[in-house]
């Protein structure tokens, strides 16, 4: 059913309000609550009703953006700078560098690589040294 074909009757709106009991479609869990509302309406016989239909209709009835702004988050949501402990970061970073070096250097004989760590900036990089066999020129 296209959204233009759906007519919101008084009966359908009443059933929407009944389905919304206990389910507030704003805040962190708004999409979860919308699925619950939609499921309630499907159980009432409105199987053709999609979540988009419901969101659009609620948008005509309420200022959903303003309701979102008034909603409080039930947990701290502050941006804080942090760094992981070196014992968690170092082994993973070393493995990534090893894989990258192996890709670039392949299995060439005489290639060696050295891991270099910049402790001040928490960076790890590799230096690849290729040792090519020297050929002696004939006299």
N, C-alpha and C. Protein backbone atom coordinates (compact mmCIF):
# COMPACT_ATOMS: atom_id res chain seq x y z
N UNK A 1 0.85 -1.18 0.00
CA UNK A 1 0.00 0.00 0.00
C UNK A 1 0.89 1.23 0.00
N UNK A 2 0.69 2.13 -0.91
CA UNK A 2 1.48 3.36 -0.97
C UNK A 2 1.05 4.30 0.13
N UNK A 3 1.97 5.16 0.56
CA UNK A 3 1.66 6.06 1.68
C UNK A 3 0.55 7.04 1.32
N UNK A 4 0.38 7.35 0.02
CA UNK A 4 -0.69 8.26 -0.39
C UNK A 4 -2.06 7.62 -0.24
N UNK A 5 -2.15 6.30 -0.33
CA UNK A 5 -3.42 5.60 -0.28
C UNK A 5 -3.95 5.42 1.14
N UNK A 6 -3.07 5.51 2.14
CA UNK A 6 -3.48 5.25 3.51
C UNK A 6 -4.25 6.44 4.08
N UNK A 7 -5.45 6.17 4.52
CA UNK A 7 -6.26 7.21 5.15
C UNK A 7 -6.35 6.92 6.64
N UNK A 8 -5.92 7.89 7.42
CA UNK A 8 -5.93 7.73 8.86
C UNK A 8 -7.32 8.10 9.37
N UNK A 9 -8.11 7.09 9.66
CA UNK A 9 -9.46 7.30 10.18
C UNK A 9 -9.38 7.50 11.69
N UNK A 10 -10.47 7.92 12.28
CA UNK A 10 -10.53 8.10 13.73
C UNK A 10 -10.30 6.75 14.43
N UNK A 11 -10.82 5.68 13.84
CA UNK A 11 -10.64 4.35 14.43
C UNK A 11 -9.15 3.95 14.42
N UNK A 12 -8.46 4.20 13.29
CA UNK A 12 -7.05 3.85 13.19
C UNK A 12 -6.21 4.70 14.16
N UNK A 13 -6.52 5.98 14.27
CA UNK A 13 -5.78 6.82 15.22
C UNK A 13 -6.00 6.36 16.65
N UNK A 14 -7.22 5.97 16.99
CA UNK A 14 -7.50 5.47 18.33
C UNK A 14 -6.70 4.21 18.61
N UNK A 15 -6.63 3.32 17.62
CA UNK A 15 -5.85 2.09 17.79
C UNK A 15 -4.35 2.41 17.88
N UNK A 16 -3.91 3.43 17.17
CA UNK A 16 -2.52 3.86 17.27
C UNK A 16 -2.21 4.30 18.70
N UNK A 17 -3.10 5.09 19.29
CA UNK A 17 -2.88 5.55 20.66
C UNK A 17 -2.88 4.37 21.65
N UNK A 18 -3.75 3.40 21.44
CA UNK A 18 -3.75 2.21 22.29
C UNK A 18 -2.43 1.44 22.13
N UNK A 19 -1.95 1.34 20.89
CA UNK A 19 -0.69 0.63 20.63
C UNK A 19 0.50 1.36 21.24
N UNK A 20 0.38 2.68 21.37
CA UNK A 20 1.49 3.48 21.90
C UNK A 20 1.55 3.44 23.43
N UNK A 21 0.55 2.87 24.10
CA UNK A 21 0.58 2.80 25.55
C UNK A 21 1.82 2.03 26.00
N UNK A 22 2.64 2.70 26.78
CA UNK A 22 3.87 2.08 27.27
C UNK A 22 5.03 2.13 26.28
N UNK A 23 4.80 2.71 25.11
CA UNK A 23 5.85 2.79 24.09
C UNK A 23 5.95 4.23 23.60
N UNK A 24 7.04 4.87 23.97
CA UNK A 24 7.25 6.27 23.60
C UNK A 24 8.25 6.31 22.44
N UNK A 25 7.81 6.72 21.25
CA UNK A 25 8.70 6.70 20.08
C UNK A 25 9.65 7.90 20.01
N UNK A 26 10.29 8.22 21.11
CA UNK A 26 11.34 9.24 21.15
C UNK A 26 12.44 8.73 22.07
N UNK A 27 13.61 9.29 21.94
CA UNK A 27 14.72 8.92 22.80
C UNK A 27 15.59 7.83 22.19
N UNK A 28 16.43 7.29 23.03
CA UNK A 28 17.41 6.31 22.60
C UNK A 28 16.75 5.07 22.02
N UNK A 29 15.65 4.64 22.59
CA UNK A 29 15.00 3.39 22.19
C UNK A 29 13.82 3.61 21.25
N UNK A 30 13.77 4.73 20.55
CA UNK A 30 12.58 5.06 19.74
C UNK A 30 12.29 4.02 18.67
N UNK A 31 13.33 3.47 18.04
CA UNK A 31 13.10 2.49 16.97
C UNK A 31 12.60 1.17 17.53
N UNK A 32 13.12 0.78 18.69
CA UNK A 32 12.61 -0.41 19.36
C UNK A 32 11.13 -0.24 19.70
N UNK A 33 10.80 0.91 20.25
CA UNK A 33 9.40 1.17 20.61
C UNK A 33 8.51 1.23 19.36
N UNK A 34 9.05 1.74 18.26
CA UNK A 34 8.25 1.79 17.02
C UNK A 34 7.92 0.37 16.54
N UNK A 35 8.87 -0.54 16.66
CA UNK A 35 8.60 -1.93 16.27
C UNK A 35 7.49 -2.51 17.14
N UNK A 36 7.51 -2.19 18.42
CA UNK A 36 6.46 -2.67 19.32
C UNK A 36 5.10 -2.08 18.96
N UNK A 37 5.07 -0.80 18.63
CA UNK A 37 3.82 -0.14 18.22
C UNK A 37 3.30 -0.78 16.94
N UNK A 38 4.20 -0.96 15.98
CA UNK A 38 3.81 -1.57 14.70
C UNK A 38 3.27 -2.99 14.92
N UNK A 39 3.92 -3.75 15.78
CA UNK A 39 3.46 -5.12 16.07
C UNK A 39 2.07 -5.10 16.70
N UNK A 40 1.84 -4.17 17.62
CA UNK A 40 0.51 -4.05 18.24
C UNK A 40 -0.55 -3.77 17.16
N UNK A 41 -0.24 -2.85 16.25
CA UNK A 41 -1.19 -2.52 15.19
C UNK A 41 -1.41 -3.70 14.25
N UNK A 42 -0.36 -4.48 13.99
CA UNK A 42 -0.52 -5.67 13.15
C UNK A 42 -1.44 -6.67 13.82
N UNK A 43 -1.32 -6.82 15.16
CA UNK A 43 -2.19 -7.73 15.89
C UNK A 43 -3.64 -7.26 15.88
N UNK A 44 -3.83 -5.93 15.71
CA UNK A 44 -5.19 -5.38 15.65
C UNK A 44 -5.77 -5.47 14.23
N UNK A 45 -4.99 -5.99 13.30
CA UNK A 45 -5.50 -6.17 11.94
C UNK A 45 -4.95 -5.21 10.91
N UNK A 46 -4.08 -4.32 11.29
CA UNK A 46 -3.52 -3.33 10.36
C UNK A 46 -2.16 -3.81 9.84
N UNK A 47 -2.16 -4.94 9.15
CA UNK A 47 -0.92 -5.56 8.68
C UNK A 47 -0.24 -4.77 7.57
N UNK A 48 -0.97 -3.98 6.83
CA UNK A 48 -0.38 -3.20 5.72
C UNK A 48 0.32 -1.93 6.21
N UNK A 49 0.23 -1.65 7.50
CA UNK A 49 0.78 -0.43 8.07
C UNK A 49 2.27 -0.58 8.37
N UNK A 50 3.11 0.20 7.70
CA UNK A 50 4.55 0.12 7.91
C UNK A 50 4.99 1.14 8.97
N UNK A 51 6.21 0.97 9.45
CA UNK A 51 6.75 1.93 10.42
C UNK A 51 6.85 3.31 9.79
N UNK A 52 7.18 3.38 8.50
CA UNK A 52 7.23 4.69 7.82
C UNK A 52 5.88 5.39 7.85
N UNK A 53 4.79 4.63 7.64
CA UNK A 53 3.45 5.23 7.72
C UNK A 53 3.23 5.84 9.11
N UNK A 54 3.62 5.08 10.12
CA UNK A 54 3.40 5.53 11.50
C UNK A 54 4.25 6.76 11.80
N UNK A 55 5.55 6.71 11.42
CA UNK A 55 6.43 7.87 11.65
C UNK A 55 5.87 9.12 10.97
N UNK A 56 5.43 8.98 9.72
CA UNK A 56 4.90 10.14 8.98
C UNK A 56 3.66 10.70 9.66
N UNK A 57 2.79 9.81 10.11
CA UNK A 57 1.56 10.30 10.75
C UNK A 57 1.88 10.96 12.09
N UNK A 58 2.76 10.35 12.87
CA UNK A 58 3.14 10.98 14.14
C UNK A 58 3.79 12.35 13.89
N UNK A 59 4.52 12.47 12.78
CA UNK A 59 5.14 13.75 12.43
C UNK A 59 4.11 14.83 12.10
N UNK A 60 2.93 14.42 11.63
CA UNK A 60 1.88 15.41 11.37
C UNK A 60 1.16 15.81 12.66
N UNK A 61 1.20 14.93 13.65
CA UNK A 61 0.49 15.19 14.90
C UNK A 61 1.37 15.89 15.95
N UNK A 62 2.68 15.58 15.93
CA UNK A 62 3.60 16.09 16.95
C UNK A 62 4.85 16.65 16.30
N UNK A 63 5.53 17.52 17.02
CA UNK A 63 6.84 18.01 16.59
C UNK A 63 7.87 17.03 17.18
N UNK A 64 8.20 16.00 16.40
CA UNK A 64 9.06 14.93 16.90
C UNK A 64 10.46 15.43 17.23
N UNK A 65 10.96 16.41 16.47
CA UNK A 65 12.29 16.97 16.75
C UNK A 65 12.33 17.65 18.12
N UNK A 66 11.28 18.41 18.44
CA UNK A 66 11.22 19.08 19.73
C UNK A 66 11.11 18.05 20.86
N UNK A 67 10.36 16.99 20.64
CA UNK A 67 10.25 15.94 21.65
C UNK A 67 11.59 15.25 21.87
N UNK A 68 12.35 15.03 20.78
CA UNK A 68 13.69 14.43 20.90
C UNK A 68 14.60 15.29 21.76
N UNK A 69 14.52 16.62 21.56
CA UNK A 69 15.39 17.54 22.32
C UNK A 69 15.07 17.53 23.81
N UNK A 70 13.82 17.30 24.16
CA UNK A 70 13.44 17.30 25.57
C UNK A 70 13.75 15.97 26.26
N UNK A 71 14.02 14.96 25.47
CA UNK A 71 14.28 13.63 26.02
C UNK A 71 15.67 13.58 26.66
N UNK A 72 15.74 13.07 27.87
CA UNK A 72 17.03 12.93 28.54
C UNK A 72 17.58 11.53 28.28
N UNK A 73 18.90 11.45 28.23
CA UNK A 73 19.55 10.16 28.01
C UNK A 73 19.81 9.55 29.39
N UNK A 74 19.44 8.28 29.58
CA UNK A 74 19.53 7.67 30.92
C UNK A 74 20.94 7.24 31.33
N UNK A 75 21.94 7.67 30.59
CA UNK A 75 23.32 7.32 30.94
C UNK A 75 24.22 8.47 30.53
N UNK A 76 25.41 8.57 31.11
CA UNK A 76 26.32 9.67 30.75
C UNK A 76 26.70 9.58 29.27
N UNK A 77 26.67 10.71 28.59
CA UNK A 77 26.97 10.74 27.17
C UNK A 77 27.91 11.89 26.87
N UNK A 78 29.04 11.90 27.56
CA UNK A 78 30.02 12.96 27.37
C UNK A 78 31.18 12.43 26.55
N UNK A 79 31.72 13.28 25.68
CA UNK A 79 32.89 12.91 24.90
C UNK A 79 34.12 13.13 25.76
N UNK A 80 34.90 12.08 25.93
CA UNK A 80 36.08 12.14 26.77
C UNK A 80 37.25 11.54 25.99
N UNK A 81 38.38 12.25 25.98
CA UNK A 81 39.58 11.71 25.34
C UNK A 81 40.13 10.58 26.20
N UNK A 82 40.59 9.53 25.54
CA UNK A 82 41.18 8.43 26.28
C UNK A 82 42.18 7.71 25.38
N UNK A 83 43.05 6.96 26.00
CA UNK A 83 43.97 6.10 25.28
C UNK A 83 43.94 4.73 25.92
N UNK A 84 44.09 3.72 25.09
CA UNK A 84 44.11 2.37 25.61
C UNK A 84 45.46 2.08 26.24
N UNK A 85 45.49 1.21 27.21
CA UNK A 85 46.78 0.85 27.82
C UNK A 85 47.69 0.19 26.77
N UNK A 86 48.99 0.42 26.92
CA UNK A 86 49.96 -0.09 25.96
C UNK A 86 49.90 -1.60 25.82
N UNK A 87 49.62 -2.32 26.91
CA UNK A 87 49.59 -3.78 26.80
C UNK A 87 48.45 -4.27 25.92
N UNK A 88 47.43 -3.45 25.69
CA UNK A 88 46.36 -3.80 24.77
C UNK A 88 46.68 -3.36 23.34
N UNK A 89 47.31 -2.21 23.21
CA UNK A 89 47.55 -1.63 21.89
C UNK A 89 48.77 -2.24 21.21
N UNK A 90 49.85 -2.38 21.92
CA UNK A 90 51.12 -2.78 21.34
C UNK A 90 51.06 -4.11 20.59
N UNK A 91 50.56 -5.20 21.19
CA UNK A 91 50.57 -6.47 20.46
C UNK A 91 49.74 -6.42 19.18
N UNK A 92 48.60 -5.76 19.21
CA UNK A 92 47.75 -5.67 18.04
C UNK A 92 48.43 -4.84 16.96
N UNK A 93 49.01 -3.73 17.33
CA UNK A 93 49.69 -2.87 16.37
C UNK A 93 50.87 -3.59 15.74
N UNK A 94 51.62 -4.35 16.54
CA UNK A 94 52.76 -5.09 16.00
C UNK A 94 52.30 -6.11 14.98
N UNK A 95 51.21 -6.82 15.26
CA UNK A 95 50.70 -7.81 14.31
C UNK A 95 50.27 -7.16 13.01
N UNK A 96 49.62 -6.00 13.09
CA UNK A 96 49.21 -5.30 11.89
C UNK A 96 50.41 -4.88 11.05
N UNK A 97 51.43 -4.37 11.70
CA UNK A 97 52.63 -3.94 10.98
C UNK A 97 53.31 -5.16 10.36
N UNK A 98 53.38 -6.28 11.09
CA UNK A 98 54.00 -7.47 10.55
C UNK A 98 53.27 -7.94 9.29
N UNK A 99 51.93 -7.96 9.33
CA UNK A 99 51.17 -8.36 8.15
C UNK A 99 51.41 -7.43 6.97
N UNK A 100 51.45 -6.14 7.24
CA UNK A 100 51.67 -5.16 6.19
C UNK A 100 53.05 -5.31 5.57
N UNK A 101 54.05 -5.53 6.40
CA UNK A 101 55.42 -5.70 5.91
C UNK A 101 55.53 -6.97 5.08
N UNK A 102 54.88 -8.05 5.54
CA UNK A 102 54.93 -9.30 4.80
C UNK A 102 54.28 -9.14 3.43
N UNK A 103 53.20 -8.38 3.34
CA UNK A 103 52.56 -8.13 2.05
C UNK A 103 53.50 -7.38 1.11
N UNK A 104 54.13 -6.34 1.65
CA UNK A 104 54.98 -5.50 0.81
C UNK A 104 56.28 -6.18 0.42
N UNK A 105 56.89 -6.90 1.36
CA UNK A 105 58.19 -7.47 1.06
C UNK A 105 58.08 -8.87 0.47
N UNK A 106 56.94 -9.50 0.65
CA UNK A 106 56.77 -10.85 0.12
C UNK A 106 57.74 -11.80 0.78
N UNK A 107 58.17 -12.78 0.04
CA UNK A 107 59.11 -13.76 0.60
C UNK A 107 60.48 -13.59 -0.01
N UNK A 108 60.84 -12.35 -0.32
CA UNK A 108 62.15 -12.10 -0.91
C UNK A 108 63.23 -12.49 0.09
N UNK A 109 64.22 -13.23 -0.41
CA UNK A 109 65.30 -13.60 0.50
C UNK A 109 66.17 -12.38 0.72
N UNK A 110 66.65 -12.26 1.90
CA UNK A 110 67.51 -11.14 2.22
C UNK A 110 66.76 -9.93 2.74
N UNK A 111 65.43 -9.99 2.79
CA UNK A 111 64.67 -8.86 3.33
C UNK A 111 64.56 -9.02 4.83
N UNK A 112 64.79 -7.94 5.53
CA UNK A 112 64.63 -7.92 6.97
C UNK A 112 63.81 -6.69 7.31
N UNK A 113 63.12 -6.76 8.41
CA UNK A 113 62.38 -5.58 8.85
C UNK A 113 62.58 -5.38 10.33
N UNK A 114 62.47 -4.15 10.71
CA UNK A 114 62.69 -3.77 12.10
C UNK A 114 61.49 -2.96 12.55
N UNK A 115 60.93 -3.31 13.70
CA UNK A 115 59.84 -2.53 14.28
C UNK A 115 60.43 -1.36 15.05
N UNK A 116 59.90 -0.19 14.80
CA UNK A 116 60.36 1.01 15.50
C UNK A 116 59.15 1.60 16.19
N UNK A 117 59.29 1.88 17.47
CA UNK A 117 58.19 2.43 18.25
C UNK A 117 58.51 3.86 18.66
N UNK A 118 57.56 4.75 18.44
CA UNK A 118 57.68 6.13 18.89
C UNK A 118 56.84 6.24 20.16
N UNK A 119 57.48 6.05 21.30
CA UNK A 119 56.75 5.99 22.57
C UNK A 119 56.04 7.29 22.91
N UNK A 120 56.58 8.40 22.49
CA UNK A 120 55.98 9.69 22.85
C UNK A 120 54.64 9.89 22.16
N UNK A 121 54.51 9.39 20.92
CA UNK A 121 53.28 9.61 20.15
C UNK A 121 52.45 8.35 19.99
N UNK A 122 52.81 7.27 20.70
CA UNK A 122 52.09 6.00 20.60
C UNK A 122 51.93 5.53 19.17
N UNK A 123 52.99 5.61 18.40
CA UNK A 123 52.96 5.16 17.01
C UNK A 123 53.95 4.02 16.85
N UNK A 124 53.61 3.11 15.96
CA UNK A 124 54.45 1.98 15.67
C UNK A 124 54.60 1.90 14.16
N UNK A 125 55.80 1.81 13.69
CA UNK A 125 56.01 1.69 12.26
C UNK A 125 57.17 0.74 12.01
N UNK A 126 57.31 0.32 10.76
CA UNK A 126 58.35 -0.65 10.42
C UNK A 126 59.28 -0.07 9.39
N UNK A 127 60.52 -0.48 9.48
CA UNK A 127 61.51 -0.12 8.49
C UNK A 127 61.92 -1.42 7.81
N UNK A 128 61.81 -1.47 6.51
CA UNK A 128 62.18 -2.66 5.77
C UNK A 128 63.54 -2.44 5.15
N UNK A 129 64.42 -3.39 5.38
CA UNK A 129 65.76 -3.31 4.82
C UNK A 129 65.91 -4.48 3.85
N UNK A 130 66.17 -4.17 2.61
CA UNK A 130 66.40 -5.23 1.62
C UNK A 130 67.89 -5.41 1.44
N UNK A 131 68.33 -6.63 1.60
CA UNK A 131 69.74 -6.93 1.40
C UNK A 131 69.83 -7.77 0.14
N UNK A 132 70.29 -7.16 -0.90
CA UNK A 132 70.43 -7.87 -2.17
C UNK A 132 71.79 -8.51 -2.26
N UNK A 133 71.83 -9.73 -2.80
CA UNK A 133 73.15 -10.37 -2.94
C UNK A 133 74.01 -9.59 -3.93
N UNK A 134 75.27 -9.40 -3.59
CA UNK A 134 76.16 -8.66 -4.48
C UNK A 134 76.84 -9.64 -5.43
N UNK A 135 76.99 -9.21 -6.64
CA UNK A 135 77.69 -10.05 -7.60
C UNK A 135 79.08 -9.47 -7.81
N UNK A 136 80.03 -10.35 -7.81
CA UNK A 136 81.40 -9.90 -8.00
C UNK A 136 81.69 -9.82 -9.48
N UNK A 137 82.23 -8.72 -9.85
CA UNK A 137 82.56 -8.53 -11.28
C UNK A 137 83.79 -9.36 -11.60
N UNK A 138 83.77 -9.95 -12.76
CA UNK A 138 84.91 -10.75 -13.21
C UNK A 138 86.07 -9.82 -13.59
N UNK A 139 87.33 -10.19 -13.23
CA UNK A 139 88.48 -9.31 -13.56
C UNK A 139 88.84 -9.33 -15.01
